[in-house]
Amino acid sequence: MNIREAKEEIVRTVRAYTAKDSRGSYRIAPVRQRPVLLIGPPGIGKTAIMEQAADECQVGLLAYTITHHTRQSAVGLPQLVTKIFDKMECTMTEYTMSEIVGSVYEYQERTGYREGILFIDEINCVSETLAPTMLQFLQYKTFGNHKVPKGWIIVAAGNPQEYNRSVRELDMAALDRVRMLKVEADFSVWKDYAQQQGIHPSVLSYLELHPEHFYQVTLTREKQEFVTARGWEDLSVLLFEYERQKFSVDRSFMEEFLRVPKIASDFASYYQLCRTYQGVYRMKELLEDRLTDEEKETLKIQLGETAGEVRCVFVRHLLSAASERMTSYGRYYRYHERVKEVLAQFSAYVKGEGKDNPEGYLERRAHALQIRRENDLIKSWEERTELDVDERLKHLVFGSGRVKFLEELAECSAADETNLPSAGLLEEQKKLEEQKEKLMNFLNQMTDFLEGAFGKDLELSDWIHGIKNHRDSRLIAFKRPDLESFLDQKEQEARLRKKIEQMEDLYETGDCR
């Protein structure tokens, strides 16, 4: 299965294992809640889907790489205790609580989560002394003498032997106690993720043309060559920053991330070609709307005569620009909505317990943010939003308009906090609407341009699919009713191609047998 299917199965598992009956008891007894074991090559996103699954199920997540642990930290340390049996006092050995189990209880206390995912990575790379402990853990959800709390689902991950020389093959006794999901690298799935993450357009267009270069691993005594999804993503991040600072890149730079020399060299040449295409086909001028109508028509004709490589590069760069604008709008929208929420909470606070101490609310927010940060309960973009909201609130509470703001707040009803003149939210709402209108105009103009250049073909389908697959597409609600039948047709063709490929794989497997 691919990584998306694995995530969906993790989500279903969490929901099944945490389902309760009318008495509040788990429908599936903990003893029957088999741990899930993900086996797949490194760098394809096994850890990332744990975060996504926990978010989707609204449960906690605690992750450990087991190879960092010793037997003592996993099982606990021995200690002498005194006990009485049949009126006879005895001294015996007892083990302290496992660091891992103890961390789950601490996490519960800090965060309030009573259910979650305990994720153990590299489970098949444990030392020989830890192997029996892992078997006990998989069978009984126990480290040493202490059980993992009820409501916590165990998910473990490991690499196949061909990707890691330190892998210990799990025996039948261990495999008979887990649900094993074999995960494979799949560019078509990663592409959707990459579009959402804003992966560099040169990376995406190159992999569209060479999907066989998405994931390759060769580990022998003579050489270690590999290209992974993680490598492409990390390369993308640094490429954007190098471009911003106008740094040059070459083959050796690419080899730092793409550890197959041929692929690194090929992509380095392709990247330079993409930079040339941007000038030749006037991408920057088009995106900044600096071309006359006549120049646009000339460019459409020029693009219509190009090969598939140029078309792919062009669409990916347009999608990258669209993604940046959609993300900007989404960030502003979420900030605006969060300000309204916090303003309503602040209003309730100052009208109640904080009447004489409005600053106390800011202190409370700062403490809550610190707790979320320390326990990895907040994403980076969420933290930035919260900090921006705090700055806005500090300006209202401590700024020159403080008296007027607090007076207006004290007099308004619960539903009118966002309408306060001193809060400035009505003006921001207008700016938000103007930004959305500009964005919609841009998306429509680029859609019309692509249709004029390439017709109703794959390029137009990829463009609209990329727009709809963006994380903020729901906020923007971009629609083109005139293209609905065309898009339906392309989706049916894609499903048919996938079904044919699956049938071909089955026939090839059958021939091998």
Protein backbone atom coordinates (compact mmCIF):
# COMPACT_ATOMS: atom_id res chain seq x y z
CA MET A 1 0.00 0.00 0.00
CA ASN A 2 1.06 3.63 -0.35
CA ILE A 3 1.59 6.06 2.51
CA ARG A 4 -1.85 7.66 2.14
CA GLU A 5 -3.58 4.29 2.42
CA ALA A 6 -1.45 3.52 5.47
CA LYS A 7 -2.54 6.77 7.15
CA GLU A 8 -6.20 6.00 6.45
CA GLU A 9 -5.76 2.56 8.02
CA ILE A 10 -4.10 4.08 11.10
CA VAL A 11 -7.06 6.46 11.46
CA ARG A 12 -9.55 3.61 11.16
CA THR A 13 -7.57 1.59 13.71
CA VAL A 14 -7.51 4.42 16.25
CA ARG A 15 -11.25 4.95 15.89
CA ALA A 16 -11.97 1.23 16.19
CA TYR A 17 -9.70 0.69 19.21
CA THR A 18 -11.05 3.76 21.07
CA ALA A 19 -14.73 3.03 20.39
CA LYS A 20 -16.73 2.51 23.61
CA ASP A 21 -20.03 0.91 24.50
CA SER A 22 -22.87 2.50 26.49
CA ARG A 23 -21.08 1.69 29.78
CA GLY A 24 -17.89 3.47 28.71
CA SER A 25 -15.89 0.27 28.19
CA TYR A 26 -13.76 -0.25 25.10
CA ARG A 27 -15.61 -2.37 22.55
CA ILE A 28 -12.36 -4.13 21.64
CA ALA A 29 -10.54 -5.30 24.74
CA PRO A 30 -6.93 -4.04 25.01
CA VAL A 31 -5.63 -7.63 24.81
CA ARG A 32 -7.18 -7.87 21.30
CA GLN A 33 -5.89 -4.49 20.15
CA ARG A 34 -3.00 -5.68 18.04
CA PRO A 35 -0.24 -3.11 17.53
CA VAL A 36 0.16 -1.85 13.97
CA LEU A 37 3.57 -2.41 12.38
CA LEU A 38 4.52 -0.23 9.40
CA ILE A 39 7.30 -1.72 7.30
CA GLY A 40 8.61 0.50 4.54
CA PRO A 41 11.70 2.22 3.15
CA PRO A 42 13.18 5.22 5.00
CA GLY A 43 12.16 8.78 4.19
CA ILE A 44 8.66 8.14 2.81
CA GLY A 45 6.76 9.87 5.63
CA LYS A 46 5.94 7.18 8.20
CA THR A 47 6.44 9.63 11.07
CA ALA A 48 4.52 12.40 9.29
CA ILE A 49 1.38 10.30 8.91
CA MET A 50 1.38 9.64 12.65
CA GLU A 51 0.99 13.37 13.24
CA GLN A 52 -1.74 13.59 10.61
CA ALA A 53 -3.64 10.62 12.06
CA ALA A 54 -3.43 11.98 15.62
CA ASP A 55 -4.72 15.36 14.43
CA GLU A 56 -7.57 13.79 12.50
CA CYS A 57 -8.63 11.59 15.44
CA GLN A 58 -8.05 14.34 18.02
CA VAL A 59 -5.84 12.12 20.19
CA GLY A 60 -2.37 12.53 21.66
CA LEU A 61 0.88 11.42 20.05
CA LEU A 62 4.07 10.35 21.77
CA ALA A 63 6.94 9.21 19.56
CA TYR A 64 10.11 7.31 20.44
CA THR A 65 12.99 5.94 18.39
CA ILE A 66 13.66 2.70 20.25
CA THR A 67 17.30 2.43 19.15
CA HIS A 68 18.10 5.36 21.46
CA HIS A 69 17.03 3.32 24.48
CA THR A 70 18.85 0.82 26.63
CA ARG A 71 17.23 -2.15 28.31
CA GLN A 72 17.24 -0.22 31.59
CA SER A 73 15.39 2.82 30.22
CA ALA A 74 12.83 0.64 28.43
CA VAL A 75 12.23 -1.90 31.20
CA GLY A 76 13.17 0.04 34.32
CA LEU A 77 15.88 -0.36 36.95
CA PRO A 78 15.87 -3.10 39.60
CA GLN A 79 15.33 -2.05 43.21
CA LEU A 80 15.06 -3.97 46.48
CA VAL A 81 11.70 -3.88 48.28
CA THR A 82 10.50 -5.51 51.47
CA LYS A 83 7.29 -7.57 51.46
CA ILE A 84 5.56 -9.91 53.90
CA PHE A 85 4.36 -13.36 52.83
CA ASP A 86 2.70 -15.68 55.41
CA LYS A 87 3.88 -13.37 58.18
CA MET A 88 7.43 -13.68 56.92
CA GLU A 89 9.35 -10.60 55.86
CA CYS A 90 11.18 -11.02 52.56
CA THR A 91 13.44 -8.84 50.46
CA MET A 92 12.87 -9.09 46.72
CA THR A 93 13.71 -7.36 43.47
CA GLU A 94 11.18 -5.08 41.78
CA TYR A 95 11.58 -2.92 38.72
CA THR A 96 10.97 0.81 38.57
CA MET A 97 8.62 2.14 35.91
CA SER A 98 9.87 2.16 32.32
CA GLU A 99 10.90 5.59 31.05
CA ILE A 100 8.64 5.08 28.03
CA VAL A 101 5.55 4.07 30.03
CA GLY A 102 6.24 6.84 32.53
CA SER A 103 6.40 9.36 29.70
CA VAL A 104 2.91 8.35 28.57
CA TYR A 105 1.52 9.06 32.05
CA GLU A 106 3.40 12.38 32.19
CA TYR A 107 2.05 13.30 28.75
CA GLN A 108 -1.49 12.59 29.95
CA GLU A 109 -1.01 14.84 32.97
CA ARG A 110 0.51 17.68 30.95
CA THR A 111 -1.89 17.67 28.02
CA GLY A 112 -5.13 16.17 29.28
CA TYR A 113 -5.15 13.53 26.53
CA ARG A 114 -6.29 10.17 27.90
CA GLU A 115 -6.13 8.46 24.50
CA GLY A 116 -3.42 8.58 21.91
CA ILE A 117 -0.84 6.90 19.69
CA LEU A 118 2.41 5.59 21.14
CA PHE A 119 4.70 5.50 18.10
CA ILE A 120 7.86 3.38 18.33
CA ASP A 121 10.18 3.88 15.37
CA GLU A 122 12.95 1.53 14.16
CA ILE A 123 11.52 -1.30 16.22
CA ASN A 124 13.31 -3.97 14.19
CA CYS A 125 16.71 -2.38 14.85
CA VAL A 126 16.77 -3.05 18.59
CA SER A 127 19.79 -4.63 20.22
CA GLU A 128 19.82 -8.31 21.08
CA THR A 129 19.27 -7.52 24.77
CA LEU A 130 16.09 -5.55 23.96
CA ALA A 131 14.56 -8.10 21.56
CA PRO A 132 12.70 -10.10 24.28
CA THR A 133 11.41 -6.82 25.72
CA MET A 134 9.97 -5.86 22.33
CA LEU A 135 8.18 -9.20 22.07
CA GLN A 136 6.65 -8.64 25.50
CA PHE A 137 5.72 -5.10 24.51
CA LEU A 138 3.96 -6.17 21.30
CA GLN A 139 2.07 -8.98 23.02
CA TYR A 140 1.03 -7.39 26.30
CA LYS A 141 1.49 -3.61 25.80
CA THR A 142 3.94 -3.85 28.69
CA PHE A 143 7.46 -2.60 29.34
CA GLY A 144 8.85 -4.44 32.35
CA ASN A 145 6.11 -4.70 34.98
CA HIS A 146 4.13 -1.69 33.83
CA LYS A 147 1.44 -1.53 31.16
CA VAL A 148 0.86 1.25 28.69
CA PRO A 149 -2.33 3.08 29.82
CA LYS A 150 -5.64 1.98 28.33
CA GLY A 151 -6.73 4.06 25.37
CA TRP A 152 -3.23 4.26 23.91
CA ILE A 153 -2.78 2.53 20.56
CA ILE A 154 0.66 1.19 19.72
CA VAL A 155 2.05 1.81 16.25
CA ALA A 156 5.56 0.65 15.43
CA ALA A 157 7.64 1.24 12.32
CA GLY A 158 10.68 -0.36 10.78
CA ASN A 159 12.71 -0.59 7.58
CA PRO A 160 13.09 -3.69 5.41
CA GLN A 161 16.45 -5.42 5.63
CA GLU A 162 17.56 -4.23 2.20
CA TYR A 163 17.52 -0.61 3.45
CA ASN A 164 19.19 -1.05 6.83
CA ARG A 165 21.99 -3.47 7.66
CA SER A 166 21.24 -3.34 11.40
CA VAL A 167 17.70 -4.67 10.95
CA ARG A 168 16.83 -7.77 12.93
CA GLU A 169 14.23 -9.92 11.22
CA LEU A 170 11.15 -10.34 13.39
CA ASP A 171 10.30 -13.97 14.10
CA MET A 172 6.89 -15.61 13.80
CA ALA A 173 6.15 -15.09 17.49
CA ALA A 174 6.45 -11.31 17.05
CA LEU A 175 4.71 -11.14 13.67
CA ASP A 176 1.78 -13.17 15.02
CA ARG A 177 1.09 -10.35 17.50
CA VAL A 178 0.94 -7.37 15.12
CA ARG A 179 -0.97 -6.09 12.12
CA MET A 180 1.71 -5.54 9.50
CA LEU A 181 1.25 -2.86 6.84
CA LYS A 182 3.81 -2.92 4.05
CA VAL A 183 4.26 0.61 2.71
CA GLU A 184 5.88 1.50 -0.60
CA ALA A 185 7.07 4.79 -2.09
CA ASP A 186 4.49 6.19 -4.52
CA PHE A 187 5.15 9.44 -6.39
CA SER A 188 1.51 9.96 -7.39
CA VAL A 189 0.55 10.09 -3.70
CA TRP A 190 3.56 12.18 -2.68
CA LYS A 191 2.76 14.65 -5.47
CA ASP A 192 -0.52 15.65 -3.80
CA TYR A 193 1.31 16.11 -0.50
CA ALA A 194 4.06 18.07 -2.26
CA GLN A 195 1.57 20.46 -3.84
CA GLN A 196 0.05 21.14 -0.41
CA GLN A 197 3.49 21.75 1.09
CA GLY A 198 4.58 24.08 -1.71
CA ILE A 199 7.46 21.92 -2.95
CA HIS A 200 9.70 23.73 -5.45
CA PRO A 201 8.15 23.68 -8.95
CA SER A 202 11.40 22.48 -10.55
CA VAL A 203 11.37 19.43 -8.26
CA LEU A 204 7.75 18.64 -9.06
CA SER A 205 8.06 19.12 -12.81
CA TYR A 206 11.27 17.05 -12.92
CA LEU A 207 9.60 14.17 -11.07
CA GLU A 208 6.54 14.42 -13.30
CA LEU A 209 8.87 13.72 -16.21
CA HIS A 210 11.02 11.18 -14.32
CA PRO A 211 8.86 9.48 -11.66
CA GLU A 212 11.36 6.59 -11.59
CA HIS A 213 13.84 9.00 -9.94
CA PHE A 214 11.51 9.77 -7.02
CA TYR A 215 12.81 6.97 -4.83
CA GLN A 216 15.88 4.83 -5.41
CA VAL A 217 18.05 2.95 -2.94
CA THR A 218 21.15 0.86 -3.64
CA LEU A 219 23.02 -0.35 -0.57
CA THR A 220 25.89 -2.74 -1.21
CA ARG A 221 29.41 -3.20 0.10
CA GLU A 222 30.72 -1.27 -2.90
CA LYS A 223 28.41 1.75 -2.75
CA GLN A 224 25.56 3.44 -0.95
CA GLU A 225 23.34 5.42 -3.30
CA PHE A 226 19.88 6.66 -2.44
CA VAL A 227 17.27 9.26 -3.28
CA THR A 228 14.27 9.58 -0.95
CA ALA A 229 11.14 11.69 -0.58
CA ARG A 230 12.77 13.33 2.43
CA GLY A 231 15.75 14.30 0.29
CA TRP A 232 13.58 15.94 -2.37
CA GLU A 233 11.62 17.90 0.24
CA ASP A 234 14.71 19.13 2.09
CA LEU A 235 16.30 20.12 -1.23
CA SER A 236 13.17 22.07 -2.14
CA VAL A 237 13.25 24.10 1.09
CA LEU A 238 16.88 25.13 0.61
CA LEU A 239 16.43 25.89 -3.10
CA PHE A 240 13.77 28.49 -2.27
CA GLU A 241 16.05 30.15 0.27
CA TYR A 242 19.08 30.09 -2.04
CA GLU A 243 16.99 31.72 -4.75
CA ARG A 244 15.79 34.39 -2.31
CA GLN A 245 19.38 35.21 -1.39
CA LYS A 246 20.53 34.84 -5.02
CA PHE A 247 23.01 32.05 -4.25
CA SER A 248 24.13 29.80 -7.10
CA VAL A 249 23.77 26.03 -7.03
CA ASP A 250 25.57 23.28 -8.93
CA ARG A 251 25.78 19.51 -9.16
CA SER A 252 27.71 19.14 -5.90
CA PHE A 253 24.93 21.05 -4.10
CA MET A 254 22.32 18.66 -5.49
CA GLU A 255 24.41 15.65 -4.44
CA GLU A 256 24.14 16.76 -0.81
CA PHE A 257 20.47 15.74 -0.98
CA LEU A 258 20.27 13.38 -3.97
CA ARG A 259 22.83 10.70 -3.23
CA VAL A 260 22.65 9.06 -6.65
CA PRO A 261 25.22 10.98 -8.75
CA LYS A 262 23.42 10.42 -12.05
CA ILE A 263 20.12 11.77 -10.70
CA ALA A 264 21.85 14.71 -8.97
CA SER A 265 23.64 15.61 -12.21
CA ASP A 266 20.48 15.22 -14.26
CA PHE A 267 18.43 17.39 -11.92
CA ALA A 268 21.17 20.06 -11.72
CA SER A 269 21.04 20.42 -15.53
CA TYR A 270 17.24 20.39 -15.49
CA TYR A 271 17.12 23.06 -12.76
CA GLN A 272 19.31 25.41 -14.81
CA LEU A 273 17.10 24.74 -17.83
CA CYS A 274 14.03 25.67 -15.77
CA ARG A 275 15.66 28.95 -14.81
CA THR A 276 16.23 29.63 -18.51
CA TYR A 277 12.62 28.74 -19.37
CA GLN A 278 11.34 31.26 -16.84
CA GLY A 279 13.02 34.05 -18.82
CA VAL A 280 12.32 32.74 -22.31
CA TYR A 281 8.62 32.22 -21.62
CA ARG A 282 8.27 35.40 -19.54
CA MET A 283 6.78 33.66 -16.51
CA LYS A 284 7.55 36.45 -14.04
CA GLU A 285 6.04 39.12 -16.29
CA LEU A 286 2.94 37.01 -16.83
CA LEU A 287 2.44 36.41 -13.11
CA GLU A 288 2.88 40.11 -12.36
CA ASP A 289 0.42 41.00 -15.15
CA ARG A 290 3.00 43.10 -17.01
CA LEU A 291 2.23 41.69 -20.47
CA THR A 292 -0.05 43.41 -22.96
CA ASP A 293 -2.94 41.48 -24.49
CA GLU A 294 -0.95 41.18 -27.73
CA GLU A 295 2.10 39.84 -25.88
CA LYS A 296 -0.09 37.29 -24.09
CA GLU A 297 -1.51 36.03 -27.36
CA THR A 298 2.00 35.71 -28.82
CA LEU A 299 3.10 33.77 -25.72
CA LYS A 300 0.11 31.42 -26.00
CA ILE A 301 1.07 30.56 -29.58
CA GLN A 302 4.70 30.09 -28.56
CA LEU A 303 3.75 27.77 -25.68
CA GLY A 304 1.32 25.79 -27.82
CA GLU A 305 4.22 24.76 -30.06
CA THR A 306 6.49 23.59 -27.22
CA ALA A 307 7.31 20.06 -26.10
CA GLY A 308 5.86 18.37 -23.00
CA GLU A 309 8.88 19.26 -20.84
CA VAL A 310 8.35 23.01 -21.26
CA ARG A 311 4.62 22.67 -20.68
CA CYS A 312 5.21 20.75 -17.46
CA VAL A 313 7.69 23.35 -16.18
CA PHE A 314 5.36 26.21 -17.08
CA VAL A 315 2.32 24.74 -15.30
CA ARG A 316 4.33 23.82 -12.18
CA HIS A 317 5.72 27.35 -11.86
CA LEU A 318 2.25 28.82 -12.28
CA LEU A 319 0.94 26.43 -9.62
CA SER A 320 3.77 27.43 -7.28
CA ALA A 321 2.81 31.10 -7.64
CA ALA A 322 -0.87 30.27 -7.14
CA SER A 323 -0.04 28.19 -4.06
CA GLU A 324 1.92 31.07 -2.54
CA ARG A 325 -1.01 33.46 -3.03
CA MET A 326 -3.55 30.96 -1.72
CA THR A 327 -1.40 30.29 1.34
CA SER A 328 -1.08 34.02 1.97
CA TYR A 329 -4.85 34.43 1.85
CA GLY A 330 -5.41 31.38 4.05
CA ARG A 331 -2.92 32.64 6.63
CA TYR A 332 -4.60 36.06 6.74
CA TYR A 333 -8.06 34.47 6.96
CA ARG A 334 -7.08 32.22 9.86
CA TYR A 335 -5.42 35.11 11.66
CA HIS A 336 -8.54 37.25 11.24
CA GLU A 337 -10.83 34.49 12.52
CA ARG A 338 -8.54 33.79 15.46
CA VAL A 339 -8.47 37.46 16.45
CA LYS A 340 -12.27 37.42 16.59
CA GLU A 341 -12.27 34.30 18.77
CA VAL A 342 -9.67 35.67 21.18
CA LEU A 343 -11.39 39.05 21.35
CA ALA A 344 -14.63 37.32 22.38
CA GLN A 345 -12.75 35.34 25.05
CA PHE A 346 -11.02 38.48 26.28
CA SER A 347 -14.36 40.29 26.50
CA ALA A 348 -15.82 37.52 28.67
CA TYR A 349 -12.70 37.61 30.86
CA VAL A 350 -12.71 41.37 31.55
CA LYS A 351 -16.46 41.32 32.22
CA GLY A 352 -15.92 38.56 34.77
CA GLU A 353 -12.90 37.51 36.80
CA GLY A 354 -10.44 39.88 35.08
CA LYS A 355 -12.34 43.12 35.45
CA ASP A 356 -9.50 44.77 37.38
CA ASN A 357 -6.68 42.89 35.68
CA PRO A 358 -7.09 42.72 31.87
CA GLU A 359 -3.36 41.94 31.53
CA GLY A 360 -3.98 38.62 33.30
CA TYR A 361 -5.61 37.23 30.15
CA LEU A 362 -2.40 37.75 28.18
CA GLU A 363 -0.43 35.97 30.90
CA ARG A 364 -2.88 33.06 30.75
CA ARG A 365 -2.52 32.84 26.96
CA ALA A 366 1.28 32.91 27.18
CA HIS A 367 1.24 30.06 29.71
CA ALA A 368 -1.13 27.97 27.57
CA LEU A 369 1.06 28.52 24.49
CA GLN A 370 4.15 27.45 26.41
CA ILE A 371 2.46 24.19 27.48
CA ARG A 372 1.42 23.42 23.91
CA ARG A 373 4.92 24.21 22.62
CA GLU A 374 6.68 22.02 25.19
CA ASN A 375 4.43 19.05 24.40
CA ASP A 376 4.50 19.40 20.59
CA LEU A 377 0.78 20.14 20.55
CA ILE A 378 1.05 23.09 18.20
CA LYS A 379 2.24 23.35 14.61
CA SER A 380 4.64 26.08 13.57
CA TRP A 381 2.02 27.98 11.56
CA GLU A 382 -0.42 27.80 14.48
CA GLU A 383 2.22 29.19 16.83
CA ARG A 384 2.96 32.08 14.45
CA THR A 385 -0.76 32.86 14.30
CA GLU A 386 -1.09 32.83 18.08
CA LEU A 387 1.93 35.11 18.48
CA ASP A 388 0.52 37.55 15.89
CA VAL A 389 -2.82 37.55 17.72
CA ASP A 390 -1.02 38.26 21.00
CA GLU A 391 0.74 41.24 19.43
CA ARG A 392 -2.60 42.55 18.22
CA LEU A 393 -4.17 42.15 21.65
CA LYS A 394 -1.19 43.77 23.39
CA HIS A 395 -1.51 46.75 21.09
CA LEU A 396 -5.19 47.10 22.04
CA VAL A 397 -4.63 46.57 25.77
CA PHE A 398 -1.41 48.57 26.23
CA GLY A 399 -1.48 50.99 23.28
CA SER A 400 -2.54 54.61 23.14
CA GLY A 401 -6.14 53.63 22.46
CA ARG A 402 -6.35 51.39 25.55
CA VAL A 403 -8.95 53.45 27.44
CA LYS A 404 -11.28 53.78 24.48
CA PHE A 405 -10.97 50.09 23.62
CA LEU A 406 -11.77 48.89 27.17
CA GLU A 407 -14.70 51.33 27.44
CA GLU A 408 -16.19 50.11 24.14
CA LEU A 409 -15.66 46.51 25.19
CA ALA A 410 -17.39 47.03 28.53
CA GLU A 411 -20.46 48.55 26.87
CA CYS A 412 -20.87 46.12 23.93
CA SER A 413 -22.96 42.96 23.90
CA ALA A 414 -21.44 39.49 23.56
CA ALA A 415 -22.06 39.40 19.80
CA ASP A 416 -20.56 42.81 19.00
CA GLU A 417 -16.88 42.48 19.98
CA THR A 418 -15.82 42.29 16.34
CA ASN A 419 -17.71 45.49 15.47
CA LEU A 420 -15.81 47.73 17.90
CA PRO A 421 -14.36 50.72 16.00
CA SER A 422 -11.17 50.60 18.07
CA ALA A 423 -10.61 46.90 17.27
CA GLY A 424 -10.27 47.63 13.55
CA LEU A 425 -11.71 44.27 12.45
CA LEU A 426 -14.29 45.72 10.07
CA GLU A 427 -11.53 47.38 8.02
CA GLU A 428 -9.58 44.14 8.01
CA GLN A 429 -12.63 42.21 6.83
CA LYS A 430 -12.82 44.50 3.80
CA LYS A 431 -9.10 43.95 3.07
CA LEU A 432 -9.64 40.20 3.34
CA GLU A 433 -12.51 40.33 0.83
CA GLU A 434 -10.41 42.45 -1.54
CA GLN A 435 -7.52 39.97 -1.29
CA LYS A 436 -9.87 37.08 -2.10
CA GLU A 437 -11.29 38.94 -5.09
CA LYS A 438 -7.79 39.58 -6.46
CA LEU A 439 -6.89 35.94 -5.93
CA MET A 440 -10.00 34.71 -7.73
CA ASN A 441 -9.26 37.05 -10.65
CA PHE A 442 -5.71 35.73 -10.83
CA LEU A 443 -6.86 32.08 -10.82
CA ASN A 444 -9.45 32.76 -13.51
CA GLN A 445 -6.98 34.68 -15.68
CA MET A 446 -4.37 31.93 -15.47
CA THR A 447 -7.01 29.26 -16.17
CA ASP A 448 -8.10 31.14 -19.31
CA PHE A 449 -4.47 31.63 -20.34
CA LEU A 450 -3.65 27.93 -20.01
CA GLU A 451 -6.77 26.91 -21.90
CA GLY A 452 -5.85 29.37 -24.65
CA ALA A 453 -2.26 28.07 -24.82
CA PHE A 454 -2.78 24.31 -24.49
CA GLY A 455 -6.49 23.76 -25.00
CA LYS A 456 -8.52 21.38 -22.86
CA ASP A 457 -5.70 18.99 -22.24
CA LEU A 458 -3.54 17.53 -19.47
CA GLU A 459 -1.93 20.88 -18.58
CA LEU A 460 -5.29 22.48 -17.79
CA SER A 461 -6.36 19.42 -15.81
CA ASP A 462 -3.13 19.47 -13.75
CA TRP A 463 -3.56 23.18 -13.05
CA ILE A 464 -7.12 22.89 -11.73
CA HIS A 465 -6.30 19.69 -9.81
CA GLY A 466 -3.40 21.52 -8.15
CA ILE A 467 -5.66 24.44 -7.18
CA LYS A 468 -8.35 22.17 -5.73
CA ASN A 469 -5.76 20.07 -3.89
CA HIS A 470 -4.33 23.08 -2.04
CA ARG A 471 -4.96 23.05 1.72
CA ASP A 472 -6.81 26.38 1.52
CA SER A 473 -8.96 25.58 -1.52
CA ARG A 474 -12.03 25.21 0.71
CA LEU A 475 -11.69 28.83 1.86
CA ILE A 476 -11.36 30.12 -1.68
CA ALA A 477 -14.00 27.89 -3.31
CA PHE A 478 -12.60 28.33 -6.83
CA LYS A 479 -15.02 26.93 -9.41
CA ARG A 480 -15.21 26.81 -13.20
CA PRO A 481 -18.60 25.38 -14.19
CA ASP A 482 -17.61 25.64 -17.88
CA LEU A 483 -14.86 23.07 -17.29
CA GLU A 484 -16.67 20.58 -15.04
CA SER A 485 -17.41 18.02 -17.78
CA PHE A 486 -13.81 18.22 -19.01
CA LEU A 487 -12.46 17.64 -15.48
CA ASP A 488 -14.83 14.69 -14.92
CA GLN A 489 -13.56 13.14 -18.14
CA LYS A 490 -9.91 13.56 -17.11
CA GLU A 491 -10.60 12.05 -13.67
CA GLN A 492 -12.29 9.04 -15.28
CA GLU A 493 -9.29 8.60 -17.59
CA ALA A 494 -6.92 8.76 -14.60
CA ARG A 495 -8.93 6.13 -12.69
CA LEU A 496 -8.97 3.91 -15.77
CA ARG A 497 -5.20 4.24 -16.21
CA LYS A 498 -4.65 3.31 -12.57
CA LYS A 499 -6.91 0.27 -12.88
CA ILE A 500 -5.06 -0.87 -16.01
CA GLU A 501 -1.70 -0.46 -14.22
CA GLN A 502 -2.98 -2.51 -11.26
CA MET A 503 -4.20 -5.26 -13.62
CA GLU A 504 -0.83 -5.27 -15.41
CA ASP A 505 0.95 -5.64 -12.05
CA LEU A 506 -1.29 -8.59 -11.18
CA TYR A 507 -0.58 -10.28 -14.51
CA GLU A 508 3.19 -9.72 -14.10
CA THR A 509 3.06 -11.16 -10.57
CA GLY A 510 1.14 -14.15 -11.86
CA ASP A 511 3.68 -14.72 -14.64
CA CYS A 512 6.53 -14.65 -12.11
CA ARG A 513 4.86 -17.40 -10.12
